[in-house]
């Protein structure tokens, strides 16, 4: 790749090799094209809002987390290298924003999640057990929303979003054993609520 003539200008980096249109949008947005960034926003806002709503359990907090994620995306677009798909990068920003908002709320309110205080001794989950029938989907969403925040995060990211336990543990800086315990308790509570 040739060097730009201006030594102060950063080298262009590859972006989202799997989607040429996304690469074009990112390149234009990096140059300050707000229309390109708006197209990125429109493509990804729905999925980002859905995960934030599941993680926060509150529509206002979800909207604020999505807004935070897109502000971070706008500011950090220059650092997006394209090692993963643009949607994956944005999704991760949304998850982090939702978790950050929840941590800030806990700090402000002085609240502690009782499920986080449990020991790391629960066995690792063996099977993914949440496979609702089509008519039960709404009940499952309400049951997930009723879980304590730590358990909700574990079940949403593992069961719904497909994260691995180590990835979930890395997000809020929690031990993998704690995530396993939260997931086990979340499954138990969901089974109780849905039966």
N, C-alpha and C. Protein backbone atom coordinates (compact mmCIF):
# COMPACT_ATOMS: atom_id res chain seq x y z
N UNK A 1 0.85 -1.17 0.00
CA UNK A 1 0.00 0.00 0.00
C UNK A 1 0.90 1.23 0.00
N UNK A 2 0.71 2.16 -0.93
CA UNK A 2 1.56 3.35 -0.96
C UNK A 2 1.28 4.26 0.23
N UNK A 3 2.33 4.94 0.64
CA UNK A 3 2.17 5.89 1.76
C UNK A 3 1.52 7.15 1.24
N UNK A 4 0.68 7.78 2.06
CA UNK A 4 0.12 9.06 1.65
C UNK A 4 1.23 10.10 1.56
N UNK A 5 1.00 11.10 0.73
CA UNK A 5 2.03 12.12 0.54
C UNK A 5 2.24 12.94 1.80
N UNK A 6 1.19 13.20 2.54
CA UNK A 6 1.29 13.96 3.78
C UNK A 6 1.70 13.00 4.90
N UNK A 7 2.90 13.16 5.50
CA UNK A 7 3.32 12.22 6.54
C UNK A 7 2.45 12.28 7.78
N UNK A 8 1.70 13.36 7.97
CA UNK A 8 0.82 13.47 9.13
C UNK A 8 -0.50 12.74 8.90
N UNK A 9 -0.78 12.40 7.67
CA UNK A 9 -2.03 11.70 7.32
C UNK A 9 -1.85 10.21 7.66
N UNK A 10 -2.78 9.60 8.43
CA UNK A 10 -2.62 8.19 8.77
C UNK A 10 -2.79 7.31 7.54
N UNK A 11 -2.14 6.17 7.61
CA UNK A 11 -2.30 5.20 6.53
C UNK A 11 -3.73 4.68 6.53
N UNK A 12 -4.31 4.50 5.36
CA UNK A 12 -5.65 3.91 5.33
C UNK A 12 -5.57 2.47 5.80
N UNK A 13 -6.57 2.03 6.53
CA UNK A 13 -6.56 0.65 7.00
C UNK A 13 -7.70 -0.11 6.34
N UNK A 14 -7.55 -1.42 6.22
CA UNK A 14 -8.62 -2.20 5.59
C UNK A 14 -9.85 -2.18 6.48
N UNK A 15 -11.02 -2.15 5.87
CA UNK A 15 -12.26 -2.17 6.64
C UNK A 15 -13.22 -3.18 6.05
N UNK A 16 -13.75 -4.01 6.89
CA UNK A 16 -14.83 -4.93 6.57
C UNK A 16 -14.72 -5.53 5.17
N UNK A 17 -13.76 -6.40 5.03
CA UNK A 17 -13.52 -7.04 3.75
C UNK A 17 -14.70 -7.87 3.27
N UNK A 18 -15.61 -8.21 4.16
CA UNK A 18 -16.75 -9.05 3.79
C UNK A 18 -17.88 -8.26 3.15
N UNK A 19 -17.89 -6.95 3.31
CA UNK A 19 -18.98 -6.13 2.79
C UNK A 19 -18.41 -4.86 2.16
N UNK A 20 -18.25 -4.86 0.83
CA UNK A 20 -17.66 -3.69 0.17
C UNK A 20 -18.45 -2.41 0.39
N UNK A 21 -19.78 -2.51 0.47
CA UNK A 21 -20.59 -1.31 0.69
C UNK A 21 -20.32 -0.73 2.07
N UNK A 22 -20.18 -1.60 3.08
CA UNK A 22 -19.86 -1.13 4.43
C UNK A 22 -18.48 -0.48 4.43
N UNK A 23 -17.54 -1.06 3.71
CA UNK A 23 -16.20 -0.48 3.63
C UNK A 23 -16.25 0.92 3.03
N UNK A 24 -17.07 1.09 2.01
CA UNK A 24 -17.22 2.40 1.38
C UNK A 24 -17.84 3.39 2.35
N UNK A 25 -18.88 2.95 3.08
CA UNK A 25 -19.53 3.84 4.05
C UNK A 25 -18.55 4.26 5.15
N UNK A 26 -17.77 3.30 5.64
CA UNK A 26 -16.81 3.61 6.69
C UNK A 26 -15.77 4.60 6.17
N UNK A 27 -15.27 4.36 4.98
CA UNK A 27 -14.27 5.26 4.41
C UNK A 27 -14.82 6.68 4.27
N UNK A 28 -16.05 6.79 3.79
CA UNK A 28 -16.66 8.12 3.65
C UNK A 28 -16.92 8.76 5.01
N UNK A 29 -17.39 7.97 5.96
CA UNK A 29 -17.67 8.50 7.30
C UNK A 29 -16.39 8.97 7.97
N UNK A 30 -15.30 8.27 7.75
CA UNK A 30 -14.01 8.69 8.32
C UNK A 30 -13.60 10.07 7.82
N UNK A 31 -14.04 10.39 6.63
CA UNK A 31 -13.71 11.70 6.06
C UNK A 31 -14.70 12.77 6.50
N UNK A 32 -15.64 12.40 7.38
CA UNK A 32 -16.59 13.37 7.91
C UNK A 32 -17.93 13.39 7.21
N UNK A 33 -18.20 12.44 6.32
CA UNK A 33 -19.47 12.37 5.59
C UNK A 33 -20.57 11.90 6.53
N UNK A 34 -21.40 12.83 6.96
CA UNK A 34 -22.48 12.50 7.91
C UNK A 34 -23.56 11.63 7.28
N UNK A 35 -23.79 11.79 5.98
CA UNK A 35 -24.77 10.93 5.30
C UNK A 35 -24.33 9.47 5.32
N UNK A 36 -23.05 9.23 5.14
CA UNK A 36 -22.52 7.86 5.20
C UNK A 36 -22.71 7.30 6.60
N UNK A 37 -22.41 8.12 7.62
CA UNK A 37 -22.59 7.64 8.99
C UNK A 37 -24.06 7.40 9.30
N UNK A 38 -24.94 8.23 8.75
CA UNK A 38 -26.37 8.01 8.94
C UNK A 38 -26.80 6.69 8.34
N UNK A 39 -26.25 6.33 7.19
CA UNK A 39 -26.57 5.03 6.59
C UNK A 39 -26.07 3.88 7.46
N UNK A 40 -24.89 4.03 8.05
CA UNK A 40 -24.38 3.03 8.99
C UNK A 40 -25.35 2.91 10.16
N UNK A 41 -25.77 4.07 10.68
CA UNK A 41 -26.71 4.10 11.79
C UNK A 41 -27.99 3.34 11.44
N UNK A 42 -28.58 3.66 10.32
CA UNK A 42 -29.85 3.04 9.92
C UNK A 42 -29.72 1.53 9.74
N UNK A 43 -28.59 1.09 9.26
CA UNK A 43 -28.37 -0.35 9.05
C UNK A 43 -28.28 -1.12 10.37
N UNK A 44 -27.75 -0.48 11.41
CA UNK A 44 -27.39 -1.22 12.62
C UNK A 44 -28.17 -0.84 13.88
N UNK A 45 -28.93 0.22 13.86
CA UNK A 45 -29.57 0.71 15.07
C UNK A 45 -30.57 -0.31 15.64
N UNK A 46 -31.28 -1.02 14.81
CA UNK A 46 -32.29 -1.96 15.31
C UNK A 46 -31.69 -3.06 16.17
N UNK A 47 -30.66 -3.71 15.66
CA UNK A 47 -30.03 -4.80 16.41
C UNK A 47 -29.37 -4.27 17.67
N UNK A 48 -28.74 -3.11 17.56
CA UNK A 48 -28.08 -2.53 18.73
C UNK A 48 -29.10 -2.16 19.80
N UNK A 49 -30.22 -1.61 19.39
CA UNK A 49 -31.26 -1.26 20.36
C UNK A 49 -31.82 -2.51 21.03
N UNK A 50 -32.01 -3.57 20.25
CA UNK A 50 -32.57 -4.81 20.81
C UNK A 50 -31.67 -5.37 21.90
N UNK A 51 -30.37 -5.42 21.66
CA UNK A 51 -29.47 -5.98 22.69
C UNK A 51 -29.40 -5.05 23.89
N UNK A 52 -29.40 -3.75 23.67
CA UNK A 52 -29.36 -2.81 24.80
C UNK A 52 -30.62 -2.89 25.64
N UNK A 53 -31.76 -3.05 24.99
CA UNK A 53 -33.02 -3.17 25.72
C UNK A 53 -33.03 -4.45 26.56
N UNK A 54 -32.54 -5.52 26.00
CA UNK A 54 -32.48 -6.77 26.76
C UNK A 54 -31.52 -6.65 27.94
N UNK A 55 -30.42 -5.97 27.75
CA UNK A 55 -29.43 -5.86 28.82
C UNK A 55 -29.85 -4.90 29.92
N UNK A 56 -30.48 -3.79 29.54
CA UNK A 56 -30.85 -2.79 30.55
C UNK A 56 -32.23 -3.03 31.14
N UNK A 57 -33.12 -3.62 30.34
CA UNK A 57 -34.49 -3.83 30.81
C UNK A 57 -35.31 -2.54 30.87
N UNK A 58 -34.81 -1.48 30.27
CA UNK A 58 -35.48 -0.19 30.34
C UNK A 58 -35.33 0.51 28.99
N UNK A 59 -36.43 0.94 28.40
CA UNK A 59 -36.40 1.55 27.06
C UNK A 59 -35.57 2.83 27.03
N UNK A 60 -35.70 3.66 28.05
CA UNK A 60 -34.93 4.91 28.07
C UNK A 60 -33.43 4.65 28.20
N UNK A 61 -33.07 3.72 29.08
CA UNK A 61 -31.66 3.37 29.24
C UNK A 61 -31.11 2.74 27.97
N UNK A 62 -31.93 1.93 27.30
CA UNK A 62 -31.50 1.30 26.04
C UNK A 62 -31.22 2.36 24.98
N UNK A 63 -32.13 3.33 24.86
CA UNK A 63 -31.92 4.40 23.89
C UNK A 63 -30.66 5.20 24.21
N UNK A 64 -30.45 5.47 25.49
CA UNK A 64 -29.25 6.21 25.88
C UNK A 64 -27.99 5.40 25.59
N UNK A 65 -28.04 4.10 25.82
CA UNK A 65 -26.88 3.24 25.55
C UNK A 65 -26.58 3.19 24.05
N UNK A 66 -27.62 3.11 23.23
CA UNK A 66 -27.42 3.11 21.78
C UNK A 66 -26.80 4.44 21.35
N UNK A 67 -27.30 5.52 21.89
CA UNK A 67 -26.74 6.83 21.57
C UNK A 67 -25.27 6.90 21.98
N UNK A 68 -24.96 6.41 23.18
CA UNK A 68 -23.57 6.38 23.63
C UNK A 68 -22.71 5.56 22.67
N UNK A 69 -23.23 4.41 22.24
CA UNK A 69 -22.48 3.53 21.34
C UNK A 69 -22.19 4.22 20.01
N UNK A 70 -23.18 4.93 19.47
CA UNK A 70 -22.95 5.60 18.19
C UNK A 70 -22.02 6.81 18.33
N UNK A 71 -22.05 7.47 19.47
CA UNK A 71 -21.08 8.55 19.71
C UNK A 71 -19.67 7.95 19.75
N UNK A 72 -19.53 6.82 20.44
CA UNK A 72 -18.22 6.14 20.49
C UNK A 72 -17.80 5.69 19.09
N UNK A 73 -18.77 5.21 18.31
CA UNK A 73 -18.46 4.76 16.95
C UNK A 73 -17.97 5.93 16.10
N UNK A 74 -18.65 7.06 16.19
CA UNK A 74 -18.26 8.24 15.40
C UNK A 74 -16.84 8.67 15.77
N UNK A 75 -16.58 8.71 17.08
CA UNK A 75 -15.26 9.14 17.54
C UNK A 75 -14.17 8.10 17.24
N UNK A 76 -14.54 6.82 17.26
CA UNK A 76 -13.55 5.76 17.11
C UNK A 76 -13.47 5.15 15.73
N UNK A 77 -14.20 5.70 14.78
CA UNK A 77 -14.23 5.12 13.44
C UNK A 77 -12.84 5.05 12.81
N UNK A 78 -12.00 6.00 13.12
CA UNK A 78 -10.64 5.99 12.59
C UNK A 78 -9.83 4.80 13.08
N UNK A 79 -10.18 4.27 14.24
CA UNK A 79 -9.47 3.12 14.79
C UNK A 79 -10.06 1.77 14.38
N UNK A 80 -11.18 1.78 13.68
CA UNK A 80 -11.78 0.53 13.23
C UNK A 80 -10.92 -0.04 12.11
N UNK A 81 -10.33 -1.21 12.37
CA UNK A 81 -9.39 -1.80 11.41
C UNK A 81 -10.03 -2.78 10.44
N UNK A 82 -11.23 -3.22 10.73
CA UNK A 82 -11.89 -4.16 9.84
C UNK A 82 -11.51 -5.60 10.11
N UNK A 83 -10.92 -5.87 11.29
CA UNK A 83 -10.61 -7.25 11.64
C UNK A 83 -11.88 -8.07 11.82
N UNK A 84 -12.96 -7.40 12.14
CA UNK A 84 -14.27 -8.04 12.24
C UNK A 84 -15.23 -7.21 11.38
N UNK A 85 -16.43 -7.72 11.21
CA UNK A 85 -17.44 -6.99 10.45
C UNK A 85 -17.82 -5.71 11.20
N UNK A 86 -18.21 -4.70 10.47
CA UNK A 86 -18.63 -3.45 11.06
C UNK A 86 -19.76 -3.68 12.07
N UNK A 87 -20.72 -4.52 11.72
CA UNK A 87 -21.83 -4.81 12.61
C UNK A 87 -21.38 -5.43 13.92
N UNK A 88 -20.38 -6.29 13.85
CA UNK A 88 -19.84 -6.92 15.06
C UNK A 88 -19.19 -5.88 15.95
N UNK A 89 -18.43 -4.98 15.36
CA UNK A 89 -17.78 -3.91 16.12
C UNK A 89 -18.82 -3.02 16.79
N UNK A 90 -19.85 -2.62 16.03
CA UNK A 90 -20.90 -1.77 16.58
C UNK A 90 -21.68 -2.49 17.68
N UNK A 91 -21.94 -3.77 17.49
CA UNK A 91 -22.65 -4.56 18.49
C UNK A 91 -21.87 -4.58 19.80
N UNK A 92 -20.57 -4.76 19.69
CA UNK A 92 -19.72 -4.78 20.89
C UNK A 92 -19.74 -3.42 21.59
N UNK A 93 -19.72 -2.34 20.80
CA UNK A 93 -19.83 -1.00 21.40
C UNK A 93 -21.15 -0.85 22.14
N UNK A 94 -22.24 -1.38 21.56
CA UNK A 94 -23.56 -1.27 22.20
C UNK A 94 -23.60 -2.06 23.51
N UNK A 95 -23.06 -3.27 23.50
CA UNK A 95 -23.03 -4.08 24.72
C UNK A 95 -22.23 -3.36 25.80
N UNK A 96 -21.07 -2.85 25.44
CA UNK A 96 -20.24 -2.13 26.42
C UNK A 96 -20.95 -0.88 26.94
N UNK A 97 -21.63 -0.16 26.06
CA UNK A 97 -22.35 1.04 26.49
C UNK A 97 -23.47 0.68 27.46
N UNK A 98 -24.20 -0.38 27.17
CA UNK A 98 -25.29 -0.80 28.07
C UNK A 98 -24.74 -1.23 29.43
N UNK A 99 -23.65 -1.98 29.42
CA UNK A 99 -23.05 -2.41 30.69
C UNK A 99 -22.47 -1.22 31.46
N UNK A 100 -21.88 -0.28 30.74
CA UNK A 100 -21.36 0.93 31.40
C UNK A 100 -22.48 1.73 32.06
N UNK A 101 -23.60 1.86 31.38
CA UNK A 101 -24.74 2.61 31.93
C UNK A 101 -25.27 1.91 33.18
N UNK A 102 -25.32 0.59 33.13
CA UNK A 102 -25.81 -0.15 34.29
C UNK A 102 -24.86 0.00 35.47
N UNK A 103 -23.55 -0.07 35.22
CA UNK A 103 -22.58 0.12 36.30
C UNK A 103 -22.70 1.52 36.89
N UNK A 104 -22.88 2.51 36.04
CA UNK A 104 -23.03 3.88 36.51
C UNK A 104 -24.29 4.02 37.36
N UNK A 105 -25.38 3.38 36.94
CA UNK A 105 -26.61 3.42 37.72
C UNK A 105 -26.39 2.79 39.09
N UNK A 106 -25.70 1.65 39.13
CA UNK A 106 -25.43 0.99 40.41
C UNK A 106 -24.60 1.88 41.32
N UNK A 107 -23.63 2.58 40.75
CA UNK A 107 -22.81 3.48 41.55
C UNK A 107 -23.65 4.62 42.11
N UNK A 108 -24.50 5.20 41.26
CA UNK A 108 -25.33 6.33 41.69
C UNK A 108 -26.32 5.91 42.77
N UNK A 109 -26.92 4.77 42.59
CA UNK A 109 -27.96 4.34 43.52
C UNK A 109 -27.42 3.53 44.69
N UNK A 110 -26.17 3.13 44.61
CA UNK A 110 -25.60 2.34 45.70
C UNK A 110 -26.21 0.96 45.79
N UNK A 111 -26.78 0.51 44.68
CA UNK A 111 -27.43 -0.80 44.67
C UNK A 111 -26.40 -1.87 44.33
N UNK A 112 -26.62 -3.06 44.87
CA UNK A 112 -25.74 -4.20 44.58
C UNK A 112 -26.61 -5.35 44.11
N UNK A 113 -26.17 -5.99 43.08
CA UNK A 113 -26.88 -7.13 42.52
C UNK A 113 -26.59 -8.36 43.38
N UNK A 114 -27.62 -8.91 44.03
CA UNK A 114 -27.41 -10.04 44.93
C UNK A 114 -26.85 -11.26 44.20
N UNK A 115 -27.08 -11.37 42.94
CA UNK A 115 -26.57 -12.54 42.21
C UNK A 115 -25.07 -12.43 42.00
N UNK A 116 -24.52 -11.20 41.96
CA UNK A 116 -23.08 -11.01 41.80
C UNK A 116 -22.32 -11.44 43.05
N UNK A 117 -22.98 -11.47 44.20
CA UNK A 117 -22.31 -11.80 45.45
C UNK A 117 -22.19 -13.30 45.66
N UNK A 118 -22.75 -14.10 44.79
CA UNK A 118 -22.71 -15.55 44.94
C UNK A 118 -21.32 -16.09 44.59
N UNK A 119 -20.92 -17.21 45.19
CA UNK A 119 -19.60 -17.77 44.91
C UNK A 119 -19.51 -18.34 43.49
N UNK A 120 -18.29 -18.56 43.05
CA UNK A 120 -18.00 -19.05 41.69
C UNK A 120 -18.03 -20.57 41.61
N UNK A 121 -18.87 -21.25 42.35
CA UNK A 121 -18.79 -22.71 42.43
C UNK A 121 -19.79 -23.45 41.56
N UNK A 122 -20.64 -22.76 40.83
CA UNK A 122 -21.64 -23.45 40.00
C UNK A 122 -20.97 -24.20 38.86
N UNK A 123 -21.52 -25.37 38.49
CA UNK A 123 -20.93 -26.13 37.39
C UNK A 123 -21.14 -25.42 36.05
N UNK A 124 -20.29 -25.70 35.10
CA UNK A 124 -20.41 -25.12 33.78
C UNK A 124 -21.68 -25.64 33.11
N UNK A 125 -22.40 -24.78 32.38
CA UNK A 125 -23.60 -25.24 31.70
C UNK A 125 -23.25 -26.23 30.60
N UNK A 126 -24.12 -27.19 30.40
CA UNK A 126 -23.87 -28.22 29.40
C UNK A 126 -24.64 -27.98 28.11
N UNK A 127 -25.89 -27.58 28.21
CA UNK A 127 -26.73 -27.42 27.03
C UNK A 127 -27.40 -26.07 27.04
N UNK A 128 -27.67 -25.56 25.89
CA UNK A 128 -28.48 -24.34 25.78
C UNK A 128 -29.93 -24.77 25.88
N UNK A 129 -30.61 -24.32 26.92
CA UNK A 129 -31.95 -24.84 27.21
C UNK A 129 -33.07 -23.91 26.78
N UNK A 130 -32.76 -22.70 26.37
CA UNK A 130 -33.82 -21.74 26.05
C UNK A 130 -34.18 -21.83 24.58
N UNK A 131 -35.20 -22.61 24.28
CA UNK A 131 -35.70 -22.72 22.92
C UNK A 131 -37.22 -22.66 22.97
N UNK A 132 -37.76 -21.44 23.11
CA UNK A 132 -39.20 -21.31 23.29
C UNK A 132 -39.96 -21.60 22.01
N UNK A 133 -41.20 -22.00 22.18
CA UNK A 133 -42.08 -22.13 21.03
C UNK A 133 -42.47 -20.74 20.57
N UNK A 134 -42.94 -20.56 19.34
CA UNK A 134 -43.24 -19.21 18.85
C UNK A 134 -44.21 -18.43 19.74
N UNK A 135 -45.21 -19.08 20.30
CA UNK A 135 -46.17 -18.39 21.15
C UNK A 135 -45.61 -17.96 22.48
N UNK A 136 -44.51 -18.57 22.91
CA UNK A 136 -43.93 -18.27 24.22
C UNK A 136 -42.87 -17.18 24.15
N UNK A 137 -42.57 -16.68 22.97
CA UNK A 137 -41.48 -15.71 22.82
C UNK A 137 -41.70 -14.46 23.67
N UNK A 138 -42.91 -13.93 23.70
CA UNK A 138 -43.18 -12.73 24.48
C UNK A 138 -43.02 -13.01 25.98
N UNK A 139 -43.51 -14.16 26.44
CA UNK A 139 -43.34 -14.52 27.84
C UNK A 139 -41.86 -14.62 28.21
N UNK A 140 -41.06 -15.17 27.31
CA UNK A 140 -39.63 -15.30 27.56
C UNK A 140 -38.99 -13.91 27.65
N UNK A 141 -39.35 -12.99 26.76
CA UNK A 141 -38.80 -11.63 26.82
C UNK A 141 -39.13 -10.97 28.15
N UNK A 142 -40.36 -11.11 28.62
CA UNK A 142 -40.74 -10.50 29.90
C UNK A 142 -40.01 -11.17 31.06
N UNK A 143 -39.83 -12.49 30.98
CA UNK A 143 -39.12 -13.21 32.04
C UNK A 143 -37.65 -12.79 32.08
N UNK A 144 -37.03 -12.65 30.92
CA UNK A 144 -35.64 -12.20 30.87
C UNK A 144 -35.53 -10.79 31.45
N UNK A 145 -36.46 -9.92 31.12
CA UNK A 145 -36.44 -8.55 31.63
C UNK A 145 -36.59 -8.51 33.15
N UNK A 146 -37.24 -9.53 33.74
CA UNK A 146 -37.47 -9.55 35.18
C UNK A 146 -36.26 -10.09 35.96
N UNK A 147 -35.27 -10.63 35.27
CA UNK A 147 -34.09 -11.16 35.95
C UNK A 147 -33.26 -10.03 36.54
N UNK A 148 -32.51 -10.32 37.61
CA UNK A 148 -31.56 -9.32 38.12
C UNK A 148 -30.53 -9.00 37.04
N UNK A 149 -29.95 -7.81 37.06
CA UNK A 149 -29.07 -7.38 35.97
C UNK A 149 -27.93 -8.35 35.62
N UNK A 150 -27.23 -8.90 36.60
CA UNK A 150 -26.13 -9.81 36.30
C UNK A 150 -26.60 -11.07 35.59
N UNK A 151 -27.70 -11.63 36.06
CA UNK A 151 -28.26 -12.83 35.44
C UNK A 151 -28.78 -12.51 34.05
N UNK A 152 -29.42 -11.34 33.91
CA UNK A 152 -29.95 -10.94 32.60
C UNK A 152 -28.82 -10.79 31.59
N UNK A 153 -27.72 -10.16 32.02
CA UNK A 153 -26.58 -10.00 31.12
C UNK A 153 -26.05 -11.36 30.68
N UNK A 154 -25.88 -12.26 31.61
CA UNK A 154 -25.34 -13.59 31.28
C UNK A 154 -26.24 -14.32 30.30
N UNK A 155 -27.54 -14.34 30.55
CA UNK A 155 -28.44 -15.11 29.69
C UNK A 155 -28.62 -14.43 28.33
N UNK A 156 -28.68 -13.11 28.28
CA UNK A 156 -28.84 -12.42 27.00
C UNK A 156 -27.61 -12.63 26.13
N UNK A 157 -26.43 -12.43 26.70
CA UNK A 157 -25.23 -12.53 25.89
C UNK A 157 -24.91 -13.98 25.52
N UNK A 158 -25.16 -14.93 26.40
CA UNK A 158 -24.84 -16.33 26.10
C UNK A 158 -25.91 -16.99 25.25
N UNK A 159 -27.15 -16.93 25.71
CA UNK A 159 -28.23 -17.67 25.04
C UNK A 159 -28.76 -16.97 23.79
N UNK A 160 -28.86 -15.66 23.84
CA UNK A 160 -29.49 -14.94 22.73
C UNK A 160 -28.46 -14.43 21.73
N UNK A 161 -27.39 -13.83 22.23
CA UNK A 161 -26.40 -13.22 21.34
C UNK A 161 -25.27 -14.16 20.94
N UNK A 162 -25.12 -15.30 21.63
CA UNK A 162 -24.13 -16.30 21.23
C UNK A 162 -22.71 -16.04 21.68
N UNK A 163 -22.51 -15.19 22.69
CA UNK A 163 -21.16 -14.96 23.21
C UNK A 163 -20.69 -16.21 23.96
N UNK A 164 -19.37 -16.40 24.02
CA UNK A 164 -18.79 -17.46 24.85
C UNK A 164 -18.67 -16.93 26.28
N UNK A 165 -18.58 -17.86 27.24
CA UNK A 165 -18.50 -17.46 28.65
C UNK A 165 -17.30 -16.55 28.91
N UNK A 166 -16.16 -16.86 28.29
CA UNK A 166 -14.97 -16.04 28.52
C UNK A 166 -15.15 -14.63 27.95
N UNK A 167 -15.89 -14.50 26.84
CA UNK A 167 -16.16 -13.18 26.27
C UNK A 167 -17.06 -12.37 27.19
N UNK A 168 -18.06 -13.03 27.76
CA UNK A 168 -18.97 -12.34 28.68
C UNK A 168 -18.21 -11.88 29.91
N UNK A 169 -17.37 -12.75 30.43
CA UNK A 169 -16.60 -12.41 31.63
C UNK A 169 -15.67 -11.23 31.36
N UNK A 170 -15.13 -11.14 30.16
CA UNK A 170 -14.20 -10.06 29.84
C UNK A 170 -14.90 -8.70 29.75
N UNK A 171 -16.18 -8.68 29.38
CA UNK A 171 -16.87 -7.40 29.21
C UNK A 171 -16.95 -6.61 30.51
N UNK A 172 -17.56 -7.14 31.56
CA UNK A 172 -17.62 -6.34 32.79
C UNK A 172 -16.46 -6.60 33.73
N UNK A 173 -15.48 -7.42 33.31
CA UNK A 173 -14.35 -7.74 34.17
C UNK A 173 -14.72 -8.69 35.28
N UNK A 174 -15.60 -9.63 35.00
CA UNK A 174 -16.07 -10.61 35.97
C UNK A 174 -15.33 -11.92 35.74
N UNK A 175 -15.18 -12.72 36.77
CA UNK A 175 -14.55 -14.04 36.64
C UNK A 175 -15.47 -14.97 35.85
N UNK A 176 -14.90 -15.82 34.99
CA UNK A 176 -15.75 -16.76 34.23
C UNK A 176 -16.64 -17.62 35.13
N UNK A 177 -16.15 -17.99 36.30
CA UNK A 177 -16.96 -18.78 37.22
C UNK A 177 -18.20 -18.03 37.68
N UNK A 178 -18.07 -16.73 37.87
CA UNK A 178 -19.22 -15.92 38.26
C UNK A 178 -20.25 -15.90 37.14
N UNK A 179 -19.79 -15.78 35.90
CA UNK A 179 -20.71 -15.79 34.77
C UNK A 179 -21.43 -17.13 34.69
N UNK A 180 -20.71 -18.23 34.93
CA UNK A 180 -21.34 -19.55 34.93
C UNK A 180 -22.42 -19.64 36.00
N UNK A 181 -22.10 -19.12 37.19
CA UNK A 181 -23.07 -19.14 38.28
C UNK A 181 -24.30 -18.29 37.94
N UNK A 182 -24.07 -17.11 37.36
CA UNK A 182 -25.18 -16.25 36.97
C UNK A 182 -26.04 -16.91 35.91
N UNK A 183 -25.41 -17.55 34.96
CA UNK A 183 -26.14 -18.23 33.89
C UNK A 183 -26.96 -19.38 34.45
N UNK A 184 -26.38 -20.14 35.35
CA UNK A 184 -27.11 -21.25 35.98
C UNK A 184 -28.33 -20.73 36.75
N UNK A 185 -28.14 -19.70 37.53
CA UNK A 185 -29.26 -19.13 38.30
C UNK A 185 -30.31 -18.51 37.38
N UNK A 186 -29.86 -17.88 36.32
CA UNK A 186 -30.81 -17.28 35.37
C UNK A 186 -31.66 -18.36 34.73
N UNK A 187 -31.04 -19.45 34.32
CA UNK A 187 -31.81 -20.55 33.72
C UNK A 187 -32.81 -21.13 34.70
N UNK A 188 -32.39 -21.30 35.94
CA UNK A 188 -33.27 -21.85 36.97
C UNK A 188 -34.47 -20.91 37.17
N UNK A 189 -34.20 -19.61 37.30
CA UNK A 189 -35.29 -18.64 37.51
C UNK A 189 -36.20 -18.56 36.30
N UNK A 190 -35.63 -18.62 35.11
CA UNK A 190 -36.47 -18.59 33.90
C UNK A 190 -37.38 -19.80 33.82
N UNK A 191 -36.85 -20.96 34.14
CA UNK A 191 -37.67 -22.18 34.14
C UNK A 191 -38.83 -22.05 35.14
N UNK A 192 -38.53 -21.49 36.31
CA UNK A 192 -39.57 -21.29 37.31
C UNK A 192 -40.62 -20.30 36.82
N UNK A 193 -40.19 -19.20 36.22
CA UNK A 193 -41.12 -18.16 35.76
C UNK A 193 -41.96 -18.64 34.60
N UNK A 194 -41.38 -19.47 33.74
CA UNK A 194 -42.09 -19.88 32.53
C UNK A 194 -42.92 -21.15 32.70
N UNK A 195 -42.79 -21.82 33.85
CA UNK A 195 -43.58 -23.05 34.04
C UNK A 195 -44.86 -22.79 34.81
